[in-house]
Structures are given as structure tokens and as C-alpha cells.
Amino acid sequence: VEEARTRQAVLSQRISELEIAKQQLADS
């Protein structure tokens, strides 16, 4: 159960990282 919650948190982190990367591309 803890592993599943960790993977869910990692998913949220990867979503944020993708949004940051897109924002940086837009900020160019």
C-alpha cells in the first residue's frame, strides 16, 4: 500500500515536471 502511494506521488511529481518543462519552453 505504501509503495502504491509512493508511485502515485511520483506520478504527480512527473506531471509537475512536465508542466514546468512546457512553461520553460513557452518562456523562451
PDB file of all heavy atoms in Angstrom:
ATOM      1  N   VAL A   1       0.840  -1.207   0.000  1.00  0.00           N
ATOM      2  CA  VAL A   1       0.000   0.000   0.000  1.00  0.00           C
ATOM      3  C   VAL A   1       0.873   1.254   0.000  1.00  0.00           C
ATOM      4  O   VAL A   1       0.618   2.219  -0.744  1.00  0.00           O
ATOM      5  CB  VAL A   1      -0.947  -0.020   1.215  1.00  0.00           C
ATOM      6  CG1 VAL A   1      -1.678   1.310   1.347  1.00  0.00           C
ATOM      7  CG2 VAL A   1      -1.946  -1.168   1.084  1.00  0.00           C
ATOM      8  N   GLU A   2       1.918   1.276   0.816  1.00  0.00           N
ATOM      9  CA  GLU A   2       2.818   2.423   0.854  1.00  0.00           C
ATOM     10  C   GLU A   2       3.535   2.608  -0.485  1.00  0.00           C
ATOM     11  O   GLU A   2       3.741   3.733  -0.945  1.00  0.00           O
ATOM     12  CB  GLU A   2       3.821   2.242   1.990  1.00  0.00           C
ATOM     13  CG  GLU A   2       3.172   2.276   3.379  1.00  0.00           C
ATOM     14  CD  GLU A   2       4.153   1.949   4.484  1.00  0.00           C
ATOM     15  OE1 GLU A   2       5.340   1.700   4.147  1.00  0.00           O
ATOM     16  OE2 GLU A   2       3.756   1.930   5.663  1.00  0.00           O
ATOM     17  N   GLU A   3       3.918   1.506  -1.105  1.00  0.00           N
ATOM     18  CA  GLU A   3       4.559   1.585  -2.416  1.00  0.00           C
ATOM     19  C   GLU A   3       3.617   2.181  -3.455  1.00  0.00           C
ATOM     20  O   GLU A   3       4.026   2.998  -4.298  1.00  0.00           O
ATOM     21  CB  GLU A   3       5.012   0.186  -2.843  1.00  0.00           C
ATOM     22  CG  GLU A   3       5.609   0.106  -4.245  1.00  0.00           C
ATOM     23  CD  GLU A   3       6.923   0.860  -4.373  1.00  0.00           C
ATOM     24  OE1 GLU A   3       7.554   1.154  -3.340  1.00  0.00           O
ATOM     25  OE2 GLU A   3       7.305   1.176  -5.526  1.00  0.00           O
ATOM     26  N   ALA A   4       2.353   1.798  -3.393  1.00  0.00           N
ATOM     27  CA  ALA A   4       1.377   2.340  -4.341  1.00  0.00           C
ATOM     28  C   ALA A   4       1.192   3.845  -4.132  1.00  0.00           C
ATOM     29  O   ALA A   4       1.102   4.624  -5.098  1.00  0.00           O
ATOM     30  CB  ALA A   4       0.047   1.616  -4.188  1.00  0.00           C
ATOM     31  N   ARG A   5       1.167   4.251  -2.866  1.00  0.00           N
ATOM     32  CA  ARG A   5       1.040   5.688  -2.598  1.00  0.00           C
ATOM     33  C   ARG A   5       2.288   6.443  -3.068  1.00  0.00           C
ATOM     34  O   ARG A   5       2.189   7.574  -3.569  1.00  0.00           O
ATOM     35  CB  ARG A   5       0.810   5.905  -1.110  1.00  0.00           C
ATOM     36  CG  ARG A   5      -0.567   5.417  -0.649  1.00  0.00           C
ATOM     37  CD  ARG A   5      -0.707   5.485   0.852  1.00  0.00           C
ATOM     38  NE  ARG A   5      -2.039   5.058   1.277  1.00  0.00           N
ATOM     39  CZ  ARG A   5      -2.383   4.846   2.552  1.00  0.00           C
ATOM     40  NH1 ARG A   5      -1.477   5.018   3.524  1.00  0.00           N
ATOM     41  NH2 ARG A   5      -3.608   4.461   2.860  1.00  0.00           N
ATOM     42  N   THR A   6       3.447   5.845  -2.897  1.00  0.00           N
ATOM     43  CA  THR A   6       4.683   6.480  -3.372  1.00  0.00           C
ATOM     44  C   THR A   6       4.656   6.637  -4.884  1.00  0.00           C
ATOM     45  O   THR A   6       5.048   7.684  -5.426  1.00  0.00           O
ATOM     46  CB  THR A   6       5.895   5.647  -2.948  1.00  0.00           C
ATOM     47  OG1 THR A   6       5.927   5.545  -1.518  1.00  0.00           O
ATOM     48  CG2 THR A   6       7.189   6.275  -3.442  1.00  0.00           C
ATOM     49  N   ARG A   7       4.195   5.592  -5.583  1.00  0.00           N
ATOM     50  CA  ARG A   7       4.114   5.685  -7.044  1.00  0.00           C
ATOM     51  C   ARG A   7       3.117   6.755  -7.475  1.00  0.00           C
ATOM     52  O   ARG A   7       3.325   7.429  -8.494  1.00  0.00           O
ATOM     53  CB  ARG A   7       3.710   4.324  -7.619  1.00  0.00           C
ATOM     54  CG  ARG A   7       4.777   3.249  -7.429  1.00  0.00           C
ATOM     55  CD  ARG A   7       4.336   1.922  -8.008  1.00  0.00           C
ATOM     56  NE  ARG A   7       5.336   0.877  -7.802  1.00  0.00           N
ATOM     57  CZ  ARG A   7       5.216  -0.381  -8.240  1.00  0.00           C
ATOM     58  NH1 ARG A   7       4.100  -0.750  -8.909  1.00  0.00           N
ATOM     59  NH2 ARG A   7       6.168  -1.261  -8.015  1.00  0.00           N
ATOM     60  N   GLN A   8       2.033   6.915  -6.683  1.00  0.00           N
ATOM     61  CA  GLN A   8       1.070   7.977  -7.004  1.00  0.00           C
ATOM     62  C   GLN A   8       1.712   9.349  -6.831  1.00  0.00           C
ATOM     63  O   GLN A   8       1.501  10.258  -7.650  1.00  0.00           O
ATOM     64  CB  GLN A   8      -0.145   7.857  -6.089  1.00  0.00           C
ATOM     65  CG  GLN A   8      -1.273   8.824  -6.432  1.00  0.00           C
ATOM     66  CD  GLN A   8      -1.961   8.466  -7.733  1.00  0.00           C
ATOM     67  OE1 GLN A   8      -2.392   7.338  -7.939  1.00  0.00           O
ATOM     68  NE2 GLN A   8      -2.049   9.442  -8.630  1.00  0.00           N
ATOM     69  N   ALA A   9       2.521   9.501  -5.781  1.00  0.00           N
ATOM     70  CA  ALA A   9       3.213  10.775  -5.572  1.00  0.00           C
ATOM     71  C   ALA A   9       4.231  11.043  -6.674  1.00  0.00           C
ATOM     72  O   ALA A   9       4.389  12.186  -7.135  1.00  0.00           O
ATOM     73  CB  ALA A   9       3.894  10.773  -4.201  1.00  0.00           C
ATOM     74  N   VAL A  10       4.919   9.994  -7.099  1.00  0.00           N
ATOM     75  CA  VAL A  10       5.877  10.153  -8.200  1.00  0.00           C
ATOM     76  C   VAL A  10       5.149  10.581  -9.476  1.00  0.00           C
ATOM     77  O   VAL A  10       5.648  11.415 -10.239  1.00  0.00           O
ATOM     78  CB  VAL A  10       6.653   8.837  -8.423  1.00  0.00           C
ATOM     79  CG1 VAL A  10       7.475   8.904  -9.709  1.00  0.00           C
ATOM     80  CG2 VAL A  10       7.555   8.546  -7.233  1.00  0.00           C
ATOM     81  N   LEU A  11       3.961  10.030  -9.690  1.00  0.00           N
ATOM     82  CA  LEU A  11       3.178  10.429 -10.860  1.00  0.00           C
ATOM     83  C   LEU A  11       2.862  11.930 -10.809  1.00  0.00           C
ATOM     84  O   LEU A  11       3.010  12.636 -11.814  1.00  0.00           O
ATOM     85  CB  LEU A  11       1.888   9.602 -10.920  1.00  0.00           C
ATOM     86  CG  LEU A  11       0.913  10.005 -12.036  1.00  0.00           C
ATOM     87  CD1 LEU A  11       1.515   9.771 -13.403  1.00  0.00           C
ATOM     88  CD2 LEU A  11      -0.410   9.239 -11.889  1.00  0.00           C
ATOM     89  N   SER A  12       2.433  12.379  -9.640  1.00  0.00           N
ATOM     90  CA  SER A  12       2.138  13.806  -9.506  1.00  0.00           C
ATOM     91  C   SER A  12       3.392  14.650  -9.745  1.00  0.00           C
ATOM     92  O   SER A  12       3.338  15.719 -10.372  1.00  0.00           O
ATOM     93  CB  SER A  12       1.563  14.100  -8.112  1.00  0.00           C
ATOM     94  OG  SER A  12       0.358  13.379  -7.898  1.00  0.00           O
ATOM     95  N   GLN A  13       4.533  14.185  -9.235  1.00  0.00           N
ATOM     96  CA  GLN A  13       5.775  14.909  -9.459  1.00  0.00           C
ATOM     97  C   GLN A  13       6.136  14.960 -10.941  1.00  0.00           C
ATOM     98  O   GLN A  13       6.546  16.011 -11.446  1.00  0.00           O
ATOM     99  CB  GLN A  13       6.905  14.236  -8.668  1.00  0.00           C
ATOM    100  CG  GLN A  13       8.252  14.918  -8.832  1.00  0.00           C
ATOM    101  CD  GLN A  13       9.350  14.210  -8.062  1.00  0.00           C
ATOM    102  OE1 GLN A  13       9.107  13.241  -7.346  1.00  0.00           O
ATOM    103  NE2 GLN A  13      10.568  14.699  -8.216  1.00  0.00           N
ATOM    104  N   ARG A  14       5.972  13.848 -11.640  1.00  0.00           N
ATOM    105  CA  ARG A  14       6.285  13.830 -13.078  1.00  0.00           C
ATOM    106  C   ARG A  14       5.340  14.743 -13.863  1.00  0.00           C
ATOM    107  O   ARG A  14       5.752  15.364 -14.851  1.00  0.00           O
ATOM    108  CB  ARG A  14       6.199  12.397 -13.600  1.00  0.00           C
ATOM    109  CG  ARG A  14       7.203  11.434 -12.972  1.00  0.00           C
ATOM    110  CD  ARG A  14       8.628  11.807 -13.355  1.00  0.00           C
ATOM    111  NE  ARG A  14       9.576  10.874 -12.778  1.00  0.00           N
ATOM    112  CZ  ARG A  14      10.288  11.117 -11.690  1.00  0.00           C
ATOM    113  NH1 ARG A  14      10.146  12.288 -11.052  1.00  0.00           N
ATOM    114  NH2 ARG A  14      11.138  10.231 -11.236  1.00  0.00           N
ATOM    115  N   ILE A  15       4.091  14.835 -13.415  1.00  0.00           N
ATOM    116  CA  ILE A  15       3.147  15.750 -14.079  1.00  0.00           C
ATOM    117  C   ILE A  15       3.628  17.199 -13.914  1.00  0.00           C
ATOM    118  O   ILE A  15       3.634  17.980 -14.872  1.00  0.00           O
ATOM    119  CB  ILE A  15       1.725  15.562 -13.501  1.00  0.00           C
ATOM    120  CG1 ILE A  15       1.180  14.175 -13.862  1.00  0.00           C
ATOM    121  CG2 ILE A  15       0.797  16.645 -14.029  1.00  0.00           C
ATOM    122  CD1 ILE A  15      -0.139  13.845 -13.189  1.00  0.00           C
ATOM    123  N   SER A  16       4.048  17.528 -12.692  1.00  0.00           N
ATOM    124  CA  SER A  16       4.544  18.883 -12.443  1.00  0.00           C
ATOM    125  C   SER A  16       5.808  19.166 -13.246  1.00  0.00           C
ATOM    126  O   SER A  16       5.978  20.276 -13.789  1.00  0.00           O
ATOM    127  CB  SER A  16       4.824  19.075 -10.946  1.00  0.00           C
ATOM    128  OG  SER A  16       3.642  18.896 -10.189  1.00  0.00           O
ATOM    129  N   GLU A  17       6.698  18.198 -13.314  1.00  0.00           N
ATOM    130  CA  GLU A  17       7.935  18.393 -14.073  1.00  0.00           C
ATOM    131  C   GLU A  17       7.648  18.635 -15.546  1.00  0.00           C
ATOM    132  O   GLU A  17       8.306  19.472 -16.192  1.00  0.00           O
ATOM    133  CB  GLU A  17       8.846  17.180 -13.902  1.00  0.00           C
ATOM    134  CG  GLU A  17       9.433  17.069 -12.502  1.00  0.00           C
ATOM    135  CD  GLU A  17      10.211  15.780 -12.317  1.00  0.00           C
ATOM    136  OE1 GLU A  17      10.149  14.912 -13.238  1.00  0.00           O
ATOM    137  OE2 GLU A  17      10.865  15.611 -11.273  1.00  0.00           O
ATOM    138  N   LEU A  18       6.655  17.925 -16.075  1.00  0.00           N
ATOM    139  CA  LEU A  18       6.294  18.140 -17.479  1.00  0.00           C
ATOM    140  C   LEU A  18       5.708  19.534 -17.676  1.00  0.00           C
ATOM    141  O   LEU A  18       6.032  20.228 -18.653  1.00  0.00           O
ATOM    142  CB  LEU A  18       5.303  17.072 -17.932  1.00  0.00           C
ATOM    143  CG  LEU A  18       4.799  17.209 -19.382  1.00  0.00           C
ATOM    144  CD1 LEU A  18       5.966  17.156 -20.362  1.00  0.00           C
ATOM    145  CD2 LEU A  18       3.767  16.136 -19.698  1.00  0.00           C
ATOM    146  N   GLU A  19       4.876  19.979 -16.741  1.00  0.00           N
ATOM    147  CA  GLU A  19       4.305  21.319 -16.850  1.00  0.00           C
ATOM    148  C   GLU A  19       5.387  22.389 -16.752  1.00  0.00           C
ATOM    149  O   GLU A  19       5.347  23.400 -17.464  1.00  0.00           O
ATOM    150  CB  GLU A  19       3.254  21.526 -15.755  1.00  0.00           C
ATOM    151  CG  GLU A  19       2.020  20.652 -15.907  1.00  0.00           C
ATOM    152  CD  GLU A  19       1.299  20.890 -17.220  1.00  0.00           C
ATOM    153  OE1 GLU A  19       1.229  22.068 -17.660  1.00  0.00           O
ATOM    154  OE2 GLU A  19       0.812  19.921 -17.817  1.00  0.00           O
ATOM    155  N   ILE A  20       6.374  22.177 -15.864  1.00  0.00           N
ATOM    156  CA  ILE A  20       7.473  23.133 -15.744  1.00  0.00           C
ATOM    157  C   ILE A  20       8.274  23.191 -17.038  1.00  0.00           C
ATOM    158  O   ILE A  20       8.653  24.272 -17.515  1.00  0.00           O
ATOM    159  CB  ILE A  20       8.375  22.766 -14.550  1.00  0.00           C
ATOM    160  CG1 ILE A  20       7.620  22.978 -13.236  1.00  0.00           C
ATOM    161  CG2 ILE A  20       9.662  23.579 -14.564  1.00  0.00           C
ATOM    162  CD1 ILE A  20       8.380  22.493 -12.005  1.00  0.00           C
ATOM    163  N   ALA A  21       8.544  22.020 -17.612  1.00  0.00           N
ATOM    164  CA  ALA A  21       9.299  21.984 -18.868  1.00  0.00           C
ATOM    165  C   ALA A  21       8.539  22.690 -19.988  1.00  0.00           C
ATOM    166  O   ALA A  21       9.127  23.428 -20.792  1.00  0.00           O
ATOM    167  CB  ALA A  21       9.599  20.536 -19.251  1.00  0.00           C
ATOM    168  N   LYS A  22       7.222  22.487 -20.034  1.00  0.00           N
ATOM    169  CA  LYS A  22       6.417  23.179 -21.043  1.00  0.00           C
ATOM    170  C   LYS A  22       6.423  24.693 -20.812  1.00  0.00           C
ATOM    171  O   LYS A  22       6.486  25.473 -21.764  1.00  0.00           O
ATOM    172  CB  LYS A  22       4.979  22.647 -21.016  1.00  0.00           C
ATOM    173  CG  LYS A  22       4.819  21.231 -21.547  1.00  0.00           C
ATOM    174  CD  LYS A  22       3.357  20.802 -21.482  1.00  0.00           C
ATOM    175  CE  LYS A  22       3.147  19.421 -22.046  1.00  0.00           C
ATOM    176  NZ  LYS A  22       1.716  18.987 -21.978  1.00  0.00           N
ATOM    177  N   GLN A  23       6.350  25.091 -19.522  1.00  0.00           N
ATOM    178  CA  GLN A  23       6.359  26.517 -19.220  1.00  0.00           C
ATOM    179  C   GLN A  23       7.690  27.160 -19.605  1.00  0.00           C
ATOM    180  O   GLN A  23       7.731  28.279 -20.120  1.00  0.00           O
ATOM    181  CB  GLN A  23       6.077  26.728 -17.736  1.00  0.00           C
ATOM    182  CG  GLN A  23       5.975  28.191 -17.328  1.00  0.00           C
ATOM    183  CD  GLN A  23       4.858  28.907 -18.049  1.00  0.00           C
ATOM    184  OE1 GLN A  23       3.728  28.434 -18.068  1.00  0.00           O
ATOM    185  NE2 GLN A  23       5.162  30.055 -18.645  1.00  0.00           N
ATOM    186  N   GLN A  24       8.786  26.449 -19.346  1.00  0.00           N
ATOM    187  CA  GLN A  24      10.083  26.976 -19.734  1.00  0.00           C
ATOM    188  C   GLN A  24      10.192  27.111 -21.250  1.00  0.00           C
ATOM    189  O   GLN A  24      10.780  28.080 -21.749  1.00  0.00           O
ATOM    190  CB  GLN A  24      11.198  26.077 -19.193  1.00  0.00           C
ATOM    191  CG  GLN A  24      11.371  26.166 -17.687  1.00  0.00           C
ATOM    192  CD  GLN A  24      12.475  25.262 -17.181  1.00  0.00           C
ATOM    193  OE1 GLN A  24      12.856  24.283 -17.839  1.00  0.00           O
ATOM    194  NE2 GLN A  24      12.997  25.567 -16.001  1.00  0.00           N
ATOM    195  N   LEU A  25       9.626  26.157 -21.971  1.00  0.00           N
ATOM    196  CA  LEU A  25       9.618  26.264 -23.429  1.00  0.00           C
ATOM    197  C   LEU A  25       8.798  27.471 -23.866  1.00  0.00           C
ATOM    198  O   LEU A  25       9.191  28.211 -24.781  1.00  0.00           O
ATOM    199  CB  LEU A  25       9.056  24.983 -24.044  1.00  0.00           C
ATOM    200  CG  LEU A  25       8.956  24.959 -25.581  1.00  0.00           C
ATOM    201  CD1 LEU A  25      10.337  25.139 -26.204  1.00  0.00           C
ATOM    202  CD2 LEU A  25       8.302  23.663 -26.054  1.00  0.00           C
ATOM    203  N   ALA A  26       7.657  27.696 -23.199  1.00  0.00           N
ATOM    204  CA  ALA A  26       6.850  28.880 -23.522  1.00  0.00           C
ATOM    205  C   ALA A  26       7.575  30.162 -23.139  1.00  0.00           C
ATOM    206  O   ALA A  26       7.451  31.191 -23.822  1.00  0.00           O
ATOM    207  CB  ALA A  26       5.499  28.793 -22.808  1.00  0.00           C
ATOM    208  N   ASP A  27       8.359  30.121 -22.037  1.00  0.00           N
ATOM    209  CA  ASP A  27       9.090  31.305 -21.607  1.00  0.00           C
ATOM    210  C   ASP A  27      10.261  31.634 -22.508  1.00  0.00           C
ATOM    211  O   ASP A  27      10.883  32.696 -22.342  1.00  0.00           O
ATOM    212  CB  ASP A  27       9.590  31.121 -20.171  1.00  0.00           C
ATOM    213  CG  ASP A  27       8.465  31.137 -19.162  1.00  0.00           C
ATOM    214  OD1 ASP A  27       7.390  31.668 -19.489  1.00  0.00           O
ATOM    215  OD2 ASP A  27       8.654  30.604 -18.043  1.00  0.00           O
ATOM    216  N   SER A  28      10.598  30.753 -23.432  1.00  0.00           N
ATOM    217  CA  SER A  28      11.643  31.092 -24.403  1.00  0.00           C
ATOM    218  C   SER A  28      11.144  32.126 -25.403  1.00  0.00           C
ATOM    219  O   SER A  28      11.924  32.634 -26.207  1.00  0.00           O
ATOM    220  CB  SER A  28      12.124  29.835 -25.135  1.00  0.00           C
ATOM    221  OG  SER A  28      11.084  29.272 -25.925  1.00  0.00           O
TER     222      SER A  28
END
